[in-house]
Amino acid sequence: MDEKQLTVTMERINNFEFKVKFEPHMAELLMDEPTPLGADKGPNASRVLSAAIGNCLTASLLFCLQKARIEVGAVKTEVATAIHRTEKGRLRIGGSAVAITMDIGAEAPNRMGQCIRLFEDFCVVTQSVRNGIPVSVKVKNQDGIELYNSEAAGS
């Protein structure tokens, strides 16, 4: 299996506001929690995940349509993500509904069958979220001493 590592770096600016760096040549992203925790200066993690799901699905569909030589004009994607509380009162993402609206020619729906059947399967983010992504967590202090390791804690 071909594996690629992506690294994202986050630096705290103030309170719950973070500067997110992706690659040296990419624009930074400002993330923040909504009030009353943060100041709503940027999207929080739930909103970024919603955007990632919508972006990935839309890009996957557009890529397939381009390969099929189907002209696409304006595209609008809306992602409605439900946030609910668990039995313990913890907030969790309950699901996302994605609606993609695109300006295509009258003959395009007859030619896009393969794309409609396949585009979701090629969306890295959506399929990973659907299948559950393993996450390991380590916490270290400023001296590099490990304070927590989820794998050692059995989480």
N, C-alpha and C. Protein backbone atom coordinates (compact mmCIF):
# COMPACT_ATOMS: atom_id res chain seq x y z
N MET A 1 0.84 -1.18 0.00
CA MET A 1 0.00 0.00 0.00
C MET A 1 0.89 1.24 0.00
N ASP A 2 0.57 2.18 -0.88
CA ASP A 2 1.30 3.44 -0.98
C ASP A 2 0.81 4.37 0.11
N GLU A 3 1.73 4.87 0.93
CA GLU A 3 1.34 5.72 2.05
C GLU A 3 2.08 7.05 1.97
N LYS A 4 1.34 8.13 2.20
CA LYS A 4 1.91 9.48 2.20
C LYS A 4 1.58 10.12 3.53
N GLN A 5 2.51 10.84 4.09
CA GLN A 5 2.32 11.52 5.37
C GLN A 5 2.05 13.00 5.13
N LEU A 6 0.98 13.52 5.71
CA LEU A 6 0.68 14.94 5.69
C LEU A 6 0.94 15.48 7.09
N THR A 7 1.54 16.64 7.19
CA THR A 7 1.80 17.24 8.49
C THR A 7 1.17 18.63 8.54
N VAL A 8 0.40 18.86 9.57
CA VAL A 8 -0.23 20.16 9.83
C VAL A 8 0.31 20.63 11.17
N THR A 9 0.71 21.90 11.24
CA THR A 9 1.24 22.46 12.48
C THR A 9 0.29 23.56 12.97
N MET A 10 -0.01 23.52 14.26
CA MET A 10 -0.88 24.53 14.85
C MET A 10 -0.14 25.25 15.95
N GLU A 11 -0.27 26.58 15.98
CA GLU A 11 0.33 27.38 17.04
C GLU A 11 -0.76 28.23 17.68
N ARG A 12 -0.81 28.18 19.00
CA ARG A 12 -1.81 28.96 19.73
C ARG A 12 -1.45 30.44 19.65
N ILE A 13 -2.43 31.26 19.30
CA ILE A 13 -2.26 32.70 19.26
C ILE A 13 -2.74 33.31 20.56
N ASN A 14 -3.97 32.95 20.95
CA ASN A 14 -4.59 33.49 22.15
C ASN A 14 -5.82 32.65 22.48
N ASN A 15 -6.02 32.34 23.73
CA ASN A 15 -7.18 31.56 24.17
C ASN A 15 -7.36 30.33 23.29
N PHE A 16 -8.44 30.26 22.51
CA PHE A 16 -8.71 29.10 21.66
C PHE A 16 -8.46 29.39 20.19
N GLU A 17 -7.72 30.45 19.91
CA GLU A 17 -7.40 30.87 18.56
C GLU A 17 -6.05 30.26 18.16
N PHE A 18 -6.04 29.59 17.00
CA PHE A 18 -4.83 28.92 16.51
C PHE A 18 -4.52 29.30 15.07
N LYS A 19 -3.23 29.44 14.78
CA LYS A 19 -2.75 29.61 13.41
C LYS A 19 -2.38 28.21 12.93
N VAL A 20 -2.96 27.80 11.81
CA VAL A 20 -2.73 26.47 11.27
C VAL A 20 -1.88 26.60 10.01
N LYS A 21 -0.76 25.87 9.99
CA LYS A 21 0.15 25.88 8.85
C LYS A 21 0.11 24.51 8.19
N PHE A 22 -0.02 24.51 6.86
CA PHE A 22 -0.10 23.26 6.12
C PHE A 22 1.25 22.95 5.47
N GLU A 23 1.59 23.61 4.43
CA GLU A 23 2.87 23.44 3.73
C GLU A 23 3.46 24.84 3.59
N PRO A 24 4.76 24.95 3.37
CA PRO A 24 5.37 26.28 3.29
C PRO A 24 4.73 27.20 2.24
N HIS A 25 4.23 26.66 1.16
CA HIS A 25 3.69 27.49 0.07
C HIS A 25 2.18 27.70 0.16
N MET A 26 1.52 27.15 1.16
CA MET A 26 0.07 27.26 1.28
C MET A 26 -0.33 28.35 2.27
N ALA A 27 -1.52 28.89 2.04
CA ALA A 27 -2.05 29.91 2.95
C ALA A 27 -2.32 29.31 4.32
N GLU A 28 -2.11 30.10 5.34
CA GLU A 28 -2.40 29.66 6.71
C GLU A 28 -3.91 29.77 6.95
N LEU A 29 -4.37 29.06 7.94
CA LEU A 29 -5.78 29.08 8.33
C LEU A 29 -5.87 29.50 9.78
N LEU A 30 -6.79 30.39 10.08
CA LEU A 30 -7.04 30.79 11.46
C LEU A 30 -8.24 30.00 11.95
N MET A 31 -8.07 29.28 13.05
CA MET A 31 -9.17 28.53 13.66
C MET A 31 -9.45 29.08 15.04
N ASP A 32 -10.71 29.04 15.44
CA ASP A 32 -11.11 29.54 16.75
C ASP A 32 -12.40 28.84 17.14
N GLU A 33 -12.65 28.78 18.40
CA GLU A 33 -13.89 28.22 18.91
C GLU A 33 -14.97 29.30 18.92
N PRO A 34 -16.22 28.89 18.82
CA PRO A 34 -17.29 29.89 18.92
C PRO A 34 -17.39 30.43 20.34
N THR A 35 -18.05 31.57 20.48
CA THR A 35 -18.27 32.12 21.82
C THR A 35 -19.17 31.17 22.59
N PRO A 36 -19.05 31.00 23.85
CA PRO A 36 -18.30 31.83 24.78
C PRO A 36 -16.85 31.38 24.99
N LEU A 37 -16.44 30.23 24.46
CA LEU A 37 -15.04 29.79 24.62
C LEU A 37 -14.08 30.67 23.86
N GLY A 38 -14.33 30.82 22.58
CA GLY A 38 -13.45 31.60 21.72
C GLY A 38 -14.11 32.89 21.31
N ALA A 39 -13.59 33.46 20.23
CA ALA A 39 -14.10 34.75 19.75
C ALA A 39 -14.67 34.65 18.34
N ASP A 40 -14.88 33.42 17.83
CA ASP A 40 -15.44 33.23 16.48
C ASP A 40 -14.61 33.91 15.39
N LYS A 41 -13.30 33.95 15.55
CA LYS A 41 -12.44 34.61 14.55
C LYS A 41 -12.17 33.72 13.34
N GLY A 42 -12.49 32.46 13.46
CA GLY A 42 -12.29 31.52 12.36
C GLY A 42 -13.13 30.29 12.62
N PRO A 43 -13.12 29.36 11.68
CA PRO A 43 -13.90 28.13 11.87
C PRO A 43 -13.31 27.27 12.98
N ASN A 44 -14.16 26.50 13.64
CA ASN A 44 -13.67 25.52 14.61
C ASN A 44 -13.47 24.18 13.89
N ALA A 45 -13.03 23.18 14.60
CA ALA A 45 -12.70 21.89 14.00
C ALA A 45 -13.91 21.24 13.33
N SER A 46 -15.09 21.35 13.92
CA SER A 46 -16.29 20.76 13.33
C SER A 46 -16.59 21.39 11.98
N ARG A 47 -16.43 22.70 11.88
CA ARG A 47 -16.68 23.39 10.61
C ARG A 47 -15.62 23.02 9.57
N VAL A 48 -14.38 22.89 10.00
CA VAL A 48 -13.32 22.51 9.06
C VAL A 48 -13.54 21.09 8.55
N LEU A 49 -13.96 20.19 9.43
CA LEU A 49 -14.27 18.82 9.00
C LEU A 49 -15.42 18.82 8.00
N SER A 50 -16.46 19.62 8.27
CA SER A 50 -17.59 19.73 7.34
C SER A 50 -17.11 20.24 5.98
N ALA A 51 -16.27 21.27 6.00
CA ALA A 51 -15.73 21.81 4.75
C ALA A 51 -14.88 20.76 4.03
N ALA A 52 -14.10 19.99 4.76
CA ALA A 52 -13.26 18.96 4.15
C ALA A 52 -14.11 17.89 3.46
N ILE A 53 -15.19 17.50 4.10
CA ILE A 53 -16.09 16.51 3.50
C ILE A 53 -16.69 17.06 2.21
N GLY A 54 -17.22 18.28 2.27
CA GLY A 54 -17.84 18.88 1.09
C GLY A 54 -16.85 19.14 -0.03
N ASN A 55 -15.66 19.64 0.33
CA ASN A 55 -14.65 19.93 -0.67
C ASN A 55 -14.19 18.65 -1.36
N CYS A 56 -13.95 17.62 -0.59
CA CYS A 56 -13.46 16.36 -1.15
C CYS A 56 -14.48 15.75 -2.12
N LEU A 57 -15.74 15.72 -1.71
CA LEU A 57 -16.77 15.16 -2.59
C LEU A 57 -16.92 15.97 -3.87
N THR A 58 -16.92 17.29 -3.74
CA THR A 58 -17.09 18.16 -4.90
C THR A 58 -15.90 18.02 -5.85
N ALA A 59 -14.69 18.03 -5.30
CA ALA A 59 -13.50 17.89 -6.13
C ALA A 59 -13.46 16.54 -6.83
N SER A 60 -13.87 15.50 -6.14
CA SER A 60 -13.88 14.16 -6.72
C SER A 60 -14.87 14.09 -7.89
N LEU A 61 -16.06 14.67 -7.70
CA LEU A 61 -17.05 14.68 -8.78
C LEU A 61 -16.56 15.52 -9.95
N LEU A 62 -16.00 16.70 -9.67
CA LEU A 62 -15.49 17.56 -10.75
C LEU A 62 -14.37 16.87 -11.53
N PHE A 63 -13.49 16.18 -10.83
CA PHE A 63 -12.38 15.49 -11.50
C PHE A 63 -12.93 14.45 -12.48
N CYS A 64 -13.90 13.68 -12.03
CA CYS A 64 -14.49 12.65 -12.89
C CYS A 64 -15.19 13.29 -14.09
N LEU A 65 -15.94 14.36 -13.84
CA LEU A 65 -16.65 15.03 -14.93
C LEU A 65 -15.67 15.62 -15.95
N GLN A 66 -14.56 16.17 -15.48
CA GLN A 66 -13.53 16.69 -16.40
C GLN A 66 -12.96 15.57 -17.26
N LYS A 67 -12.68 14.42 -16.63
CA LYS A 67 -12.14 13.29 -17.39
C LYS A 67 -13.14 12.80 -18.43
N ALA A 68 -14.45 12.93 -18.12
CA ALA A 68 -15.50 12.53 -19.05
C ALA A 68 -15.81 13.63 -20.06
N ARG A 69 -15.06 14.73 -20.00
CA ARG A 69 -15.21 15.88 -20.89
C ARG A 69 -16.62 16.48 -20.81
N ILE A 70 -17.12 16.58 -19.58
CA ILE A 70 -18.40 17.22 -19.34
C ILE A 70 -18.12 18.60 -18.78
N GLU A 71 -18.62 19.62 -19.47
CA GLU A 71 -18.42 21.00 -19.06
C GLU A 71 -19.24 21.31 -17.81
N VAL A 72 -18.59 21.92 -16.84
CA VAL A 72 -19.26 22.30 -15.60
C VAL A 72 -19.03 23.79 -15.40
N GLY A 73 -20.10 24.51 -15.15
CA GLY A 73 -20.00 25.94 -14.86
C GLY A 73 -19.90 26.15 -13.36
N ALA A 74 -20.79 26.96 -12.85
CA ALA A 74 -20.79 27.28 -11.42
C ALA A 74 -21.10 26.02 -10.59
N VAL A 75 -20.47 25.95 -9.44
CA VAL A 75 -20.68 24.84 -8.52
C VAL A 75 -20.88 25.41 -7.13
N LYS A 76 -21.87 24.91 -6.42
CA LYS A 76 -22.10 25.31 -5.04
C LYS A 76 -22.34 24.04 -4.22
N THR A 77 -21.61 23.93 -3.13
CA THR A 77 -21.75 22.77 -2.24
C THR A 77 -22.16 23.28 -0.87
N GLU A 78 -23.19 22.66 -0.32
CA GLU A 78 -23.64 22.99 1.03
C GLU A 78 -23.55 21.74 1.89
N VAL A 79 -22.93 21.89 3.05
CA VAL A 79 -22.79 20.77 3.98
C VAL A 79 -23.50 21.14 5.27
N ALA A 80 -24.51 20.37 5.61
CA ALA A 80 -25.24 20.57 6.86
C ALA A 80 -24.79 19.48 7.82
N THR A 81 -24.13 19.87 8.89
CA THR A 81 -23.59 18.91 9.85
C THR A 81 -24.36 19.01 11.16
N ALA A 82 -24.83 17.88 11.63
CA ALA A 82 -25.59 17.82 12.89
C ALA A 82 -24.64 17.59 14.05
N ILE A 83 -24.80 18.40 15.08
CA ILE A 83 -24.03 18.26 16.31
C ILE A 83 -25.01 17.85 17.40
N HIS A 84 -24.69 16.77 18.09
CA HIS A 84 -25.59 16.32 19.16
C HIS A 84 -24.78 15.99 20.42
N ARG A 85 -25.48 15.78 21.50
CA ARG A 85 -24.84 15.40 22.77
C ARG A 85 -25.02 13.90 23.00
N THR A 86 -23.98 13.28 23.52
CA THR A 86 -24.05 11.87 23.87
C THR A 86 -24.76 11.72 25.22
N GLU A 87 -24.91 10.49 25.65
CA GLU A 87 -25.51 10.22 26.96
C GLU A 87 -24.72 10.88 28.09
N LYS A 88 -23.41 11.03 27.88
CA LYS A 88 -22.55 11.66 28.88
C LYS A 88 -22.53 13.18 28.74
N GLY A 89 -23.28 13.72 27.79
CA GLY A 89 -23.32 15.17 27.59
C GLY A 89 -22.20 15.72 26.72
N ARG A 90 -21.43 14.85 26.07
CA ARG A 90 -20.34 15.29 25.22
C ARG A 90 -20.85 15.60 23.81
N LEU A 91 -20.37 16.69 23.22
CA LEU A 91 -20.76 17.04 21.86
C LEU A 91 -20.07 16.13 20.86
N ARG A 92 -20.83 15.67 19.87
CA ARG A 92 -20.29 14.82 18.81
C ARG A 92 -20.94 15.19 17.49
N ILE A 93 -20.25 14.90 16.41
CA ILE A 93 -20.82 15.09 15.08
C ILE A 93 -21.71 13.88 14.80
N GLY A 94 -22.98 14.17 14.55
CA GLY A 94 -23.94 13.10 14.31
C GLY A 94 -24.02 12.67 12.87
N GLY A 95 -23.61 13.53 11.96
CA GLY A 95 -23.65 13.20 10.54
C GLY A 95 -23.64 14.47 9.72
N SER A 96 -23.36 14.30 8.44
CA SER A 96 -23.33 15.43 7.52
C SER A 96 -24.15 15.09 6.29
N ALA A 97 -24.90 16.08 5.82
CA ALA A 97 -25.65 15.95 4.57
C ALA A 97 -25.05 16.94 3.58
N VAL A 98 -24.62 16.42 2.43
CA VAL A 98 -23.94 17.23 1.43
C VAL A 98 -24.85 17.40 0.22
N ALA A 99 -25.02 18.63 -0.24
CA ALA A 99 -25.80 18.93 -1.44
C ALA A 99 -24.91 19.69 -2.41
N ILE A 100 -24.66 19.09 -3.57
CA ILE A 100 -23.82 19.70 -4.60
C ILE A 100 -24.74 20.14 -5.73
N THR A 101 -24.68 21.43 -6.06
CA THR A 101 -25.47 21.97 -7.17
C THR A 101 -24.49 22.48 -8.21
N MET A 102 -24.67 22.03 -9.46
CA MET A 102 -23.75 22.45 -10.51
C MET A 102 -24.47 22.82 -11.79
N ASP A 103 -23.88 23.76 -12.49
CA ASP A 103 -24.39 24.23 -13.76
C ASP A 103 -23.77 23.35 -14.84
N ILE A 104 -24.60 22.47 -15.41
CA ILE A 104 -24.14 21.56 -16.46
C ILE A 104 -25.08 21.67 -17.66
N GLY A 105 -24.62 21.27 -18.80
CA GLY A 105 -25.43 21.32 -20.01
C GLY A 105 -26.58 20.33 -19.95
N ALA A 106 -27.54 20.52 -20.82
CA ALA A 106 -28.75 19.68 -20.84
C ALA A 106 -28.44 18.21 -21.12
N GLU A 107 -27.40 17.94 -21.93
CA GLU A 107 -27.07 16.55 -22.27
C GLU A 107 -26.20 15.87 -21.22
N ALA A 108 -25.62 16.64 -20.33
CA ALA A 108 -24.67 16.10 -19.35
C ALA A 108 -25.24 15.01 -18.45
N PRO A 109 -26.48 15.15 -17.92
CA PRO A 109 -26.97 14.08 -17.04
C PRO A 109 -26.98 12.70 -17.69
N ASN A 110 -27.16 12.64 -19.00
CA ASN A 110 -27.14 11.36 -19.70
C ASN A 110 -25.73 10.80 -19.84
N ARG A 111 -24.70 11.65 -19.72
CA ARG A 111 -23.32 11.22 -19.92
C ARG A 111 -22.54 11.06 -18.61
N MET A 112 -23.14 11.40 -17.49
CA MET A 112 -22.37 11.39 -16.25
C MET A 112 -22.63 10.18 -15.35
N GLY A 113 -23.22 9.14 -15.88
CA GLY A 113 -23.56 7.95 -15.11
C GLY A 113 -22.40 7.33 -14.34
N GLN A 114 -21.27 7.11 -15.01
CA GLN A 114 -20.11 6.51 -14.35
C GLN A 114 -19.61 7.40 -13.21
N CYS A 115 -19.59 8.70 -13.44
CA CYS A 115 -19.10 9.64 -12.42
C CYS A 115 -20.02 9.62 -11.20
N ILE A 116 -21.31 9.63 -11.43
CA ILE A 116 -22.26 9.62 -10.32
C ILE A 116 -22.13 8.34 -9.51
N ARG A 117 -21.82 7.23 -10.16
CA ARG A 117 -21.67 5.96 -9.45
C ARG A 117 -20.35 5.86 -8.69
N LEU A 118 -19.29 6.56 -9.15
CA LEU A 118 -17.95 6.35 -8.60
C LEU A 118 -17.38 7.47 -7.72
N PHE A 119 -17.84 8.71 -7.86
CA PHE A 119 -17.12 9.83 -7.25
C PHE A 119 -17.00 9.73 -5.73
N GLU A 120 -18.02 9.22 -5.05
CA GLU A 120 -17.94 9.11 -3.59
C GLU A 120 -16.83 8.16 -3.15
N ASP A 121 -16.66 7.08 -3.89
CA ASP A 121 -15.66 6.08 -3.53
C ASP A 121 -14.24 6.62 -3.64
N PHE A 122 -14.03 7.66 -4.45
CA PHE A 122 -12.70 8.24 -4.61
C PHE A 122 -12.45 9.42 -3.68
N CYS A 123 -13.42 9.78 -2.86
CA CYS A 123 -13.25 10.90 -1.93
C CYS A 123 -12.52 10.39 -0.69
N VAL A 124 -11.28 10.79 -0.53
CA VAL A 124 -10.42 10.33 0.57
C VAL A 124 -11.04 10.65 1.93
N VAL A 125 -11.47 11.88 2.12
CA VAL A 125 -11.96 12.33 3.43
C VAL A 125 -13.28 11.65 3.79
N THR A 126 -14.25 11.70 2.91
CA THR A 126 -15.57 11.16 3.22
C THR A 126 -15.51 9.66 3.52
N GLN A 127 -14.80 8.92 2.70
CA GLN A 127 -14.73 7.47 2.93
C GLN A 127 -13.95 7.16 4.20
N SER A 128 -12.95 7.97 4.52
CA SER A 128 -12.19 7.76 5.76
C SER A 128 -13.06 8.04 6.97
N VAL A 129 -13.83 9.13 6.92
CA VAL A 129 -14.73 9.47 8.03
C VAL A 129 -15.78 8.37 8.19
N ARG A 130 -16.36 7.93 7.09
CA ARG A 130 -17.38 6.88 7.15
C ARG A 130 -16.84 5.60 7.79
N ASN A 131 -15.60 5.29 7.52
CA ASN A 131 -15.01 4.05 8.05
C ASN A 131 -14.41 4.22 9.43
N GLY A 132 -14.34 5.43 9.93
CA GLY A 132 -13.74 5.67 11.25
C GLY A 132 -12.23 5.72 11.12
N ILE A 133 -11.65 6.84 11.43
CA ILE A 133 -10.20 7.04 11.30
C ILE A 133 -9.53 6.79 12.64
N PRO A 134 -8.56 5.89 12.70
CA PRO A 134 -7.85 5.71 13.97
C PRO A 134 -7.04 6.96 14.30
N VAL A 135 -7.08 7.38 15.54
CA VAL A 135 -6.35 8.56 15.98
C VAL A 135 -5.57 8.19 17.24
N SER A 136 -4.25 8.43 17.20
CA SER A 136 -3.46 8.25 18.41
C SER A 136 -3.08 9.64 18.92
N VAL A 137 -2.98 9.79 20.23
CA VAL A 137 -2.73 11.09 20.84
C VAL A 137 -1.58 10.99 21.83
N LYS A 138 -0.63 11.92 21.73
CA LYS A 138 0.45 12.04 22.72
C LYS A 138 0.46 13.47 23.21
N VAL A 139 0.72 13.66 24.49
CA VAL A 139 0.88 14.98 25.09
C VAL A 139 2.26 15.03 25.73
N LYS A 140 3.03 16.09 25.38
CA LYS A 140 4.38 16.26 25.94
C LYS A 140 4.48 17.65 26.55
N ASN A 141 5.37 17.80 27.52
CA ASN A 141 5.63 19.14 28.06
C ASN A 141 6.72 19.81 27.23
N GLN A 142 7.09 21.03 27.62
CA GLN A 142 8.07 21.80 26.86
C GLN A 142 9.44 21.14 26.82
N ASP A 143 9.73 20.21 27.73
CA ASP A 143 11.02 19.51 27.75
C ASP A 143 10.97 18.20 26.97
N GLY A 144 9.83 17.91 26.34
CA GLY A 144 9.70 16.69 25.56
C GLY A 144 9.32 15.47 26.38
N ILE A 145 8.99 15.66 27.65
CA ILE A 145 8.59 14.52 28.49
C ILE A 145 7.14 14.17 28.19
N GLU A 146 6.92 12.92 27.88
CA GLU A 146 5.58 12.46 27.54
C GLU A 146 4.71 12.42 28.79
N LEU A 147 3.59 13.13 28.72
CA LEU A 147 2.64 13.18 29.83
C LEU A 147 1.45 12.26 29.60
N TYR A 148 1.19 11.95 28.34
CA TYR A 148 0.04 11.10 28.00
C TYR A 148 0.29 10.45 26.66
N ASN A 149 -0.14 9.19 26.53
CA ASN A 149 -0.07 8.46 25.28
C ASN A 149 -1.33 7.60 25.21
N SER A 150 -2.23 7.92 24.28
CA SER A 150 -3.49 7.18 24.19
C SER A 150 -3.30 5.71 23.92
N GLU A 151 -2.25 5.36 23.19
CA GLU A 151 -2.00 3.95 22.90
C GLU A 151 -1.59 3.21 24.18
N ALA A 152 -0.81 3.85 25.03
CA ALA A 152 -0.40 3.24 26.29
C ALA A 152 -1.56 3.23 27.29
N ALA A 153 -2.44 4.25 27.17
CA ALA A 153 -3.58 4.35 28.09
C ALA A 153 -4.70 3.40 27.71
N GLY A 154 -4.61 2.81 26.50
CA GLY A 154 -5.62 1.84 26.07
C GLY A 154 -6.89 2.50 25.56
N SER A 155 -6.81 3.75 25.11
CA SER A 155 -8.00 4.44 24.58
C SER A 155 -8.29 4.03 23.18
